[in-house]
């Protein structure tokens, strides 16, 4: 009897030991899982989708660089934050494709969207869809002011247009025929620049504007339009250009002579510096396009991660680039990370 009792006791102890070992293994396993999970959760990943007008336009590639570098800096600065830039830009400009991208990334879980709007009306609908589904949206370069976007970063395009006209008037003694190169007719920012040009032109009664000419935003399309307009108006003396698409390559040199027709345009990128140096173009209104990415990403993180109050309208300043300050502008481009800037410009 006593022997059977001892055997039962021994069996109970063995089973208890086995159960305790198993329980400890489960607890240990859970502890490892919690530790791993905690480590992952400590690093919050925020995906920001960036949608520019076209990936073939160098100004937007510089904005992409600015966004990526800022995301890397913020990830390094905040130990619990990882900022990821999802570049989702059409190869060629297409508002409908931009809108489709917005709808797709909302479904795929992006936290925020930064977009330069090719068409205000089309993008307003898409932006509102994103915001209504919990995704914050910021615009840059070209706005959709009637949408639910929380902020816009860019210049005062109307004032920029007035500056273009005033600079050109000074180059042609406030008289003669000129033309306006308008780019995409549906882009809010370019429409405002054209309005600014036309408003300022009213102050110059001896200047005649032969027309405003819109076109797809590529070098080939811009040059084709210019060539045709100058054939029809051989006495034209100046161009006010709301963008520098015609200077994205070397082809413009084949249809104009340096200094014969005065040109004032927006943007001053590395490949366009030679046009200033050789007097094909007299004034370029330089935009800090690198900062489109830098400021926009920082603003998004300020709002959705740091819970800061941000301005709705954030203005950038343009810098008139001429032969006099070409060296300083070249060095600024280098500081923003631009490459392929010739040494002869950097030492000016």
Protein backbone atom coordinates (compact mmCIF):
# COMPACT_ATOMS: atom_id res chain seq x y z
CA UNK A 1 0.00 0.00 0.00
CA UNK A 2 2.77 2.37 1.07
CA UNK A 3 4.81 1.38 -1.98
CA UNK A 4 1.93 2.17 -4.34
CA UNK A 5 1.53 5.57 -2.66
CA UNK A 6 5.22 6.36 -3.19
CA UNK A 7 5.00 5.36 -6.85
CA UNK A 8 1.97 7.62 -7.39
CA UNK A 9 3.74 10.47 -5.62
CA UNK A 10 6.80 10.02 -7.81
CA UNK A 11 4.66 9.99 -10.98
CA UNK A 12 2.83 13.16 -9.91
CA UNK A 13 6.18 14.93 -9.28
CA UNK A 14 7.49 13.85 -12.68
CA UNK A 15 4.35 15.03 -14.44
CA UNK A 16 4.47 18.33 -12.54
CA UNK A 17 8.07 18.81 -13.58
CA UNK A 18 7.22 18.09 -17.18
CA UNK A 19 4.28 20.50 -17.09
CA UNK A 20 6.44 23.19 -15.48
CA UNK A 21 9.13 22.73 -18.12
CA UNK A 22 6.55 22.99 -20.90
CA UNK A 23 4.98 26.03 -19.30
CA UNK A 24 8.36 27.74 -18.96
CA UNK A 25 9.09 27.02 -22.63
CA UNK A 26 5.78 28.60 -23.64
CA UNK A 27 6.44 31.62 -21.41
CA UNK A 28 9.97 31.91 -22.77
CA UNK A 29 8.72 31.66 -26.33
CA UNK A 30 6.10 34.31 -25.69
CA UNK A 31 8.74 36.53 -24.13
CA UNK A 32 10.92 36.28 -27.24
CA UNK A 33 7.94 37.02 -29.47
CA UNK A 34 6.97 40.07 -27.42
CA UNK A 35 10.54 41.37 -27.51
CA UNK A 36 10.72 40.97 -31.28
CA UNK A 37 7.32 42.55 -31.72
CA UNK A 38 8.25 45.44 -29.46
CA UNK A 39 11.43 46.04 -31.42
CA UNK A 40 9.49 46.18 -34.69
CA UNK A 41 6.76 48.39 -33.33
CA UNK A 42 9.27 50.83 -31.87
CA UNK A 43 10.34 51.74 -35.42
CA UNK A 44 7.23 53.26 -36.99
CA UNK A 45 7.35 53.09 -40.78
CA UNK A 46 5.65 55.96 -42.55
CA UNK A 47 5.27 55.60 -46.31
CA UNK A 48 4.89 58.90 -48.18
CA UNK A 49 3.85 58.61 -51.81
CA UNK A 50 5.30 61.34 -54.03
CA UNK A 51 3.53 62.03 -57.32
CA UNK A 52 5.10 64.69 -59.55
CA UNK A 53 3.85 65.68 -62.99
CA UNK A 54 6.32 63.60 -64.98
CA UNK A 55 9.47 61.63 -64.27
CA UNK A 56 10.98 62.82 -67.57
CA UNK A 57 11.13 66.42 -66.29
CA UNK A 58 14.47 67.14 -64.52
CA UNK A 59 12.90 69.60 -62.08
CA UNK A 60 10.87 66.79 -60.55
CA UNK A 61 13.82 64.44 -60.37
CA UNK A 62 15.55 67.03 -58.19
CA UNK A 63 12.43 67.14 -55.98
CA UNK A 64 12.64 63.35 -55.69
CA UNK A 65 16.26 63.63 -54.55
CA UNK A 66 15.30 66.22 -51.96
CA UNK A 67 12.52 64.00 -50.65
CA UNK A 68 14.71 60.91 -50.36
CA UNK A 69 17.56 62.74 -48.61
CA UNK A 70 15.13 64.34 -46.16
CA UNK A 71 13.51 60.97 -45.45
CA UNK A 72 16.92 59.49 -44.69
CA UNK A 73 17.81 62.41 -42.39
CA UNK A 74 14.53 62.14 -40.48
CA UNK A 75 14.94 58.38 -40.09
CA UNK A 76 18.38 58.96 -38.62
CA UNK A 77 17.17 61.79 -36.38
CA UNK A 78 14.23 59.92 -34.81
CA UNK A 79 15.11 56.50 -33.40
CA UNK A 80 11.53 55.24 -33.60
CA UNK A 81 10.75 56.53 -37.09
CA UNK A 82 11.46 55.18 -40.56
CA UNK A 83 10.37 57.43 -43.44
CA UNK A 84 9.96 55.75 -46.82
CA UNK A 85 9.46 57.66 -50.09
CA UNK A 86 7.33 55.83 -52.65
CA UNK A 87 8.00 57.60 -55.97
CA UNK A 88 4.88 57.07 -58.10
CA UNK A 89 5.16 59.54 -60.97
CA UNK A 90 3.94 59.06 -64.57
CA UNK A 91 6.64 58.93 -67.23
CA UNK A 92 4.76 61.62 -69.16
CA UNK A 93 2.29 64.11 -67.78
CA UNK A 94 -1.19 62.66 -67.20
CA UNK A 95 -3.69 63.93 -64.65
CA UNK A 96 -5.85 60.83 -65.02
CA UNK A 97 -2.86 58.61 -64.28
CA UNK A 98 -1.99 60.72 -61.24
CA UNK A 99 -5.57 60.31 -59.97
CA UNK A 100 -5.45 56.56 -60.50
CA UNK A 101 -2.15 56.34 -58.61
CA UNK A 102 -3.69 58.21 -55.68
CA UNK A 103 -6.62 55.82 -55.48
CA UNK A 104 -4.34 52.80 -55.69
CA UNK A 105 -1.89 53.90 -53.00
CA UNK A 106 -4.75 54.77 -50.64
CA UNK A 107 -5.92 51.16 -50.94
CA UNK A 108 -2.34 49.92 -50.45
CA UNK A 109 -1.87 51.69 -47.12
CA UNK A 110 0.23 54.80 -47.79
CA UNK A 111 0.22 57.23 -44.85
CA UNK A 112 0.49 60.46 -46.84
CA UNK A 113 0.65 61.78 -50.41
CA UNK A 114 2.64 64.68 -51.87
CA UNK A 115 1.45 65.66 -55.38
CA UNK A 116 2.08 68.28 -58.05
CA UNK A 117 -1.26 68.60 -59.83
CA UNK A 118 -1.33 68.36 -63.63
CA UNK A 119 -5.02 69.25 -63.69
CA UNK A 120 -6.73 70.97 -60.78
CA UNK A 121 -10.22 69.54 -61.27
CA UNK A 122 -9.14 65.94 -61.85
CA UNK A 123 -6.77 65.94 -58.90
CA UNK A 124 -9.22 67.69 -56.56
CA UNK A 125 -11.53 64.68 -56.77
CA UNK A 126 -8.70 62.23 -56.18
CA UNK A 127 -7.25 64.23 -53.29
CA UNK A 128 -10.65 64.43 -51.60
CA UNK A 129 -11.03 60.66 -51.98
CA UNK A 130 -7.68 60.14 -50.25
CA UNK A 131 -8.45 62.50 -47.38
CA UNK A 132 -11.92 61.03 -46.90
CA UNK A 133 -10.19 57.66 -46.50
CA UNK A 134 -7.79 58.87 -43.84
CA UNK A 135 -4.72 59.75 -45.96
CA UNK A 136 -3.22 63.21 -45.55
CA UNK A 137 -2.38 65.03 -48.80
CA UNK A 138 -0.02 67.93 -49.46
CA UNK A 139 0.52 69.63 -52.83
CA UNK A 140 3.70 71.21 -54.17
CA UNK A 141 4.60 73.21 -57.28
CA UNK A 142 1.04 73.08 -58.72
CA UNK A 143 -1.86 73.32 -56.30
CA UNK A 144 -5.47 72.16 -56.10
CA UNK A 145 -6.63 74.97 -53.78
CA UNK A 146 -10.26 73.85 -53.59
CA UNK A 147 -9.38 70.32 -52.50
CA UNK A 148 -9.01 68.94 -48.96
CA UNK A 149 -5.21 69.01 -49.08
CA UNK A 150 -3.77 70.32 -45.81
CA UNK A 151 -0.88 72.38 -47.25
CA UNK A 152 0.74 73.68 -50.42
CA UNK A 153 4.41 74.48 -50.96
CA UNK A 154 5.33 76.62 -53.93
CA UNK A 155 5.77 80.13 -55.29
CA UNK A 156 3.18 82.83 -55.78
CA UNK A 157 2.74 81.98 -59.44
CA UNK A 158 0.74 85.10 -60.28
CA UNK A 159 3.55 87.31 -58.95
CA UNK A 160 6.08 85.12 -60.75
CA UNK A 161 4.27 85.82 -64.03
CA UNK A 162 4.40 89.55 -63.37
CA UNK A 163 8.13 89.29 -62.70
CA UNK A 164 8.63 87.46 -66.00
CA UNK A 165 6.86 90.25 -67.88
CA UNK A 166 8.70 93.06 -66.09
CA UNK A 167 12.10 91.44 -66.65
CA UNK A 168 11.36 90.93 -70.36
CA UNK A 169 10.06 94.48 -70.78
CA UNK A 170 13.35 95.81 -69.46
CA UNK A 171 15.27 93.77 -72.04
CA UNK A 172 13.28 95.03 -75.05
CA UNK A 173 12.91 98.71 -74.02
CA UNK A 174 9.21 98.18 -73.26
CA UNK A 175 8.19 97.81 -76.89
CA UNK A 176 7.92 95.27 -79.74
CA UNK A 177 6.14 91.93 -80.18
CA UNK A 178 6.48 89.07 -77.73
CA UNK A 179 4.94 85.63 -77.21
CA UNK A 180 4.11 83.54 -74.15
CA UNK A 181 5.12 79.88 -73.90
CA UNK A 182 2.49 78.37 -71.62
CA UNK A 183 3.13 74.64 -71.13
CA UNK A 184 0.20 72.55 -69.89
CA UNK A 185 -3.00 74.57 -70.19
CA UNK A 186 -4.69 72.66 -67.35
CA UNK A 187 -1.98 73.14 -64.70
CA UNK A 188 -3.04 75.58 -62.00
CA UNK A 189 0.46 76.99 -61.44
CA UNK A 190 1.08 77.68 -65.13
CA UNK A 191 -2.34 79.29 -65.59
CA UNK A 192 -1.53 81.67 -62.74
CA UNK A 193 1.83 82.57 -64.28
CA UNK A 194 0.19 83.37 -67.61
CA UNK A 195 -2.38 85.55 -65.82
CA UNK A 196 0.46 87.38 -64.11
CA UNK A 197 2.21 88.02 -67.43
CA UNK A 198 -0.96 89.36 -69.03
CA UNK A 199 -1.73 91.57 -66.02
CA UNK A 200 1.75 93.11 -65.99
CA UNK A 201 1.68 93.56 -69.78
CA UNK A 202 -1.12 96.12 -69.37
CA UNK A 203 1.54 98.51 -68.03
CA UNK A 204 3.42 98.37 -71.34
CA UNK A 205 1.16 99.74 -74.12
CA UNK A 206 3.94 99.48 -76.73
CA UNK A 207 4.37 95.74 -76.19
CA UNK A 208 2.17 93.45 -78.28
CA UNK A 209 1.57 89.87 -77.23
CA UNK A 210 1.05 87.80 -80.39
CA UNK A 211 -0.37 84.88 -78.39
CA UNK A 212 -0.12 82.39 -75.55
CA UNK A 213 0.97 78.96 -76.72
CA UNK A 214 0.29 75.81 -74.70
CA UNK A 215 1.94 72.43 -75.26
CA UNK A 216 2.97 69.16 -73.58
CA UNK A 217 5.84 69.81 -71.21
CA UNK A 218 8.72 68.32 -73.18
CA UNK A 219 11.72 69.84 -74.93
CA UNK A 220 10.57 68.69 -78.36
CA UNK A 221 7.04 70.08 -78.00
CA UNK A 222 8.24 73.40 -76.62
CA UNK A 223 10.72 73.90 -79.45
CA UNK A 224 8.20 72.86 -82.10
CA UNK A 225 5.78 75.50 -80.84
CA UNK A 226 8.48 78.19 -80.70
CA UNK A 227 9.70 77.39 -84.20
CA UNK A 228 6.21 77.64 -85.68
CA UNK A 229 5.37 80.87 -83.87
CA UNK A 230 8.61 82.55 -84.97
CA UNK A 231 8.01 81.51 -88.59
CA UNK A 232 4.61 83.14 -88.44
CA UNK A 233 5.95 86.19 -86.60
CA UNK A 234 9.49 86.86 -87.89
CA UNK A 235 9.57 90.26 -86.15
CA UNK A 236 9.03 88.82 -82.67
CA UNK A 237 11.53 90.21 -80.15
CA UNK A 238 10.92 88.29 -76.95
CA UNK A 239 9.55 85.21 -75.18
CA UNK A 240 8.05 85.03 -71.72
CA UNK A 241 8.21 81.35 -70.76
CA UNK A 242 6.40 79.98 -67.72
CA UNK A 243 8.72 76.96 -67.79
CA UNK A 244 12.15 76.09 -69.20
CA UNK A 245 11.22 72.97 -71.16
CA UNK A 246 12.90 74.31 -74.30
CA UNK A 247 16.27 74.26 -72.48
CA UNK A 248 16.27 70.62 -71.41
CA UNK A 249 18.72 69.81 -74.21
CA UNK A 250 20.73 71.42 -77.02
CA UNK A 251 18.09 71.67 -79.76
CA UNK A 252 17.00 75.27 -79.14
CA UNK A 253 20.41 76.48 -80.31
CA UNK A 254 19.48 75.32 -83.81
CA UNK A 255 16.54 77.72 -84.15
CA UNK A 256 17.64 80.93 -82.39
CA UNK A 257 20.76 83.10 -82.39
CA UNK A 258 22.28 84.31 -79.10
CA UNK A 259 20.83 87.65 -78.01
CA UNK A 260 18.66 88.20 -81.10
CA UNK A 261 15.44 87.28 -79.29
CA UNK A 262 15.26 88.06 -75.59
CA UNK A 263 14.07 85.24 -73.35
CA UNK A 264 12.97 85.19 -69.72
CA UNK A 265 11.88 81.85 -68.28
CA UNK A 266 11.19 79.91 -65.07
CA UNK A 267 13.70 77.39 -63.63
CA UNK A 268 17.49 77.35 -63.78
CA UNK A 269 18.83 73.81 -63.76
CA UNK A 270 22.40 72.61 -64.47
CA UNK A 271 21.71 71.77 -68.12
CA UNK A 272 20.31 75.29 -68.64
CA UNK A 273 23.28 77.26 -67.32
CA UNK A 274 25.00 77.31 -70.70
CA UNK A 275 22.01 79.13 -72.20
CA UNK A 276 22.67 81.98 -69.77
CA UNK A 277 26.45 81.88 -70.30
CA UNK A 278 26.13 82.09 -74.10
CA UNK A 279 23.32 84.70 -74.04
CA UNK A 280 20.60 82.56 -75.58
CA UNK A 281 18.58 83.34 -72.44
CA UNK A 282 18.94 86.53 -70.44
CA UNK A 283 17.04 85.75 -67.22
CA UNK A 284 15.99 82.48 -65.58
CA UNK A 285 13.84 82.59 -62.46
CA UNK A 286 15.51 79.90 -60.37
CA UNK A 287 13.33 77.78 -58.11
CA UNK A 288 14.79 75.66 -55.28
CA UNK A 289 13.31 72.50 -56.78
CA UNK A 290 15.34 70.30 -54.42
CA UNK A 291 13.36 71.91 -51.60
CA UNK A 292 10.05 70.80 -53.12
CA UNK A 293 10.98 67.40 -51.75
CA UNK A 294 12.79 68.58 -48.64
CA UNK A 295 10.15 70.98 -47.31
CA UNK A 296 7.19 68.82 -48.33
CA UNK A 297 8.46 65.68 -46.57
CA UNK A 298 9.41 67.63 -43.46
CA UNK A 299 5.96 69.26 -43.40
CA UNK A 300 4.18 65.92 -43.70
CA UNK A 301 6.19 64.44 -40.82
CA UNK A 302 5.58 67.56 -38.73
CA UNK A 303 1.84 67.04 -39.14
CA UNK A 304 1.28 63.29 -38.99
CA UNK A 305 4.15 62.18 -36.72
CA UNK A 306 5.10 65.16 -34.56
CA UNK A 307 1.51 66.51 -34.41
CA UNK A 308 2.66 70.05 -35.12
CA UNK A 309 0.46 72.78 -36.52
CA UNK A 310 1.66 73.59 -40.05
CA UNK A 311 0.96 76.49 -42.38
CA UNK A 312 -1.53 75.90 -45.17
CA UNK A 313 0.45 77.96 -47.69
CA UNK A 314 4.24 77.76 -47.58
CA UNK A 315 5.92 80.06 -50.08
CA UNK A 316 9.25 79.57 -51.80
CA UNK A 317 11.20 82.46 -53.24
CA UNK A 318 12.53 82.53 -56.78
CA UNK A 319 15.93 83.98 -57.64
CA UNK A 320 16.53 85.78 -60.96
CA UNK A 321 19.60 84.11 -62.44
CA UNK A 322 21.65 86.16 -64.92
CA UNK A 323 25.23 86.15 -66.14
CA UNK A 324 26.13 88.31 -63.11
CA UNK A 325 25.18 85.73 -60.47
CA UNK A 326 25.60 82.56 -62.51
CA UNK A 327 28.54 81.39 -60.39
CA UNK A 328 26.72 81.81 -57.09
CA UNK A 329 23.65 80.00 -58.41
CA UNK A 330 25.83 77.17 -59.73
CA UNK A 331 27.37 76.71 -56.29
CA UNK A 332 23.91 76.70 -54.72
CA UNK A 333 22.83 73.95 -57.11
CA UNK A 334 25.90 71.94 -56.13
CA UNK A 335 25.03 72.41 -52.43
CA UNK A 336 21.56 70.99 -53.14
CA UNK A 337 23.15 67.87 -54.56
CA UNK A 338 22.97 68.59 -58.28
CA UNK A 339 25.68 66.94 -60.35
CA UNK A 340 27.11 67.60 -63.81
CA UNK A 341 27.76 71.28 -63.11
CA UNK A 342 30.79 72.37 -65.09
CA UNK A 343 33.73 73.68 -63.10
CA UNK A 344 33.84 76.86 -65.19
CA UNK A 345 30.49 77.87 -63.72
CA UNK A 346 31.41 76.95 -60.16
CA UNK A 347 34.45 79.26 -60.19
CA UNK A 348 32.71 82.27 -61.72
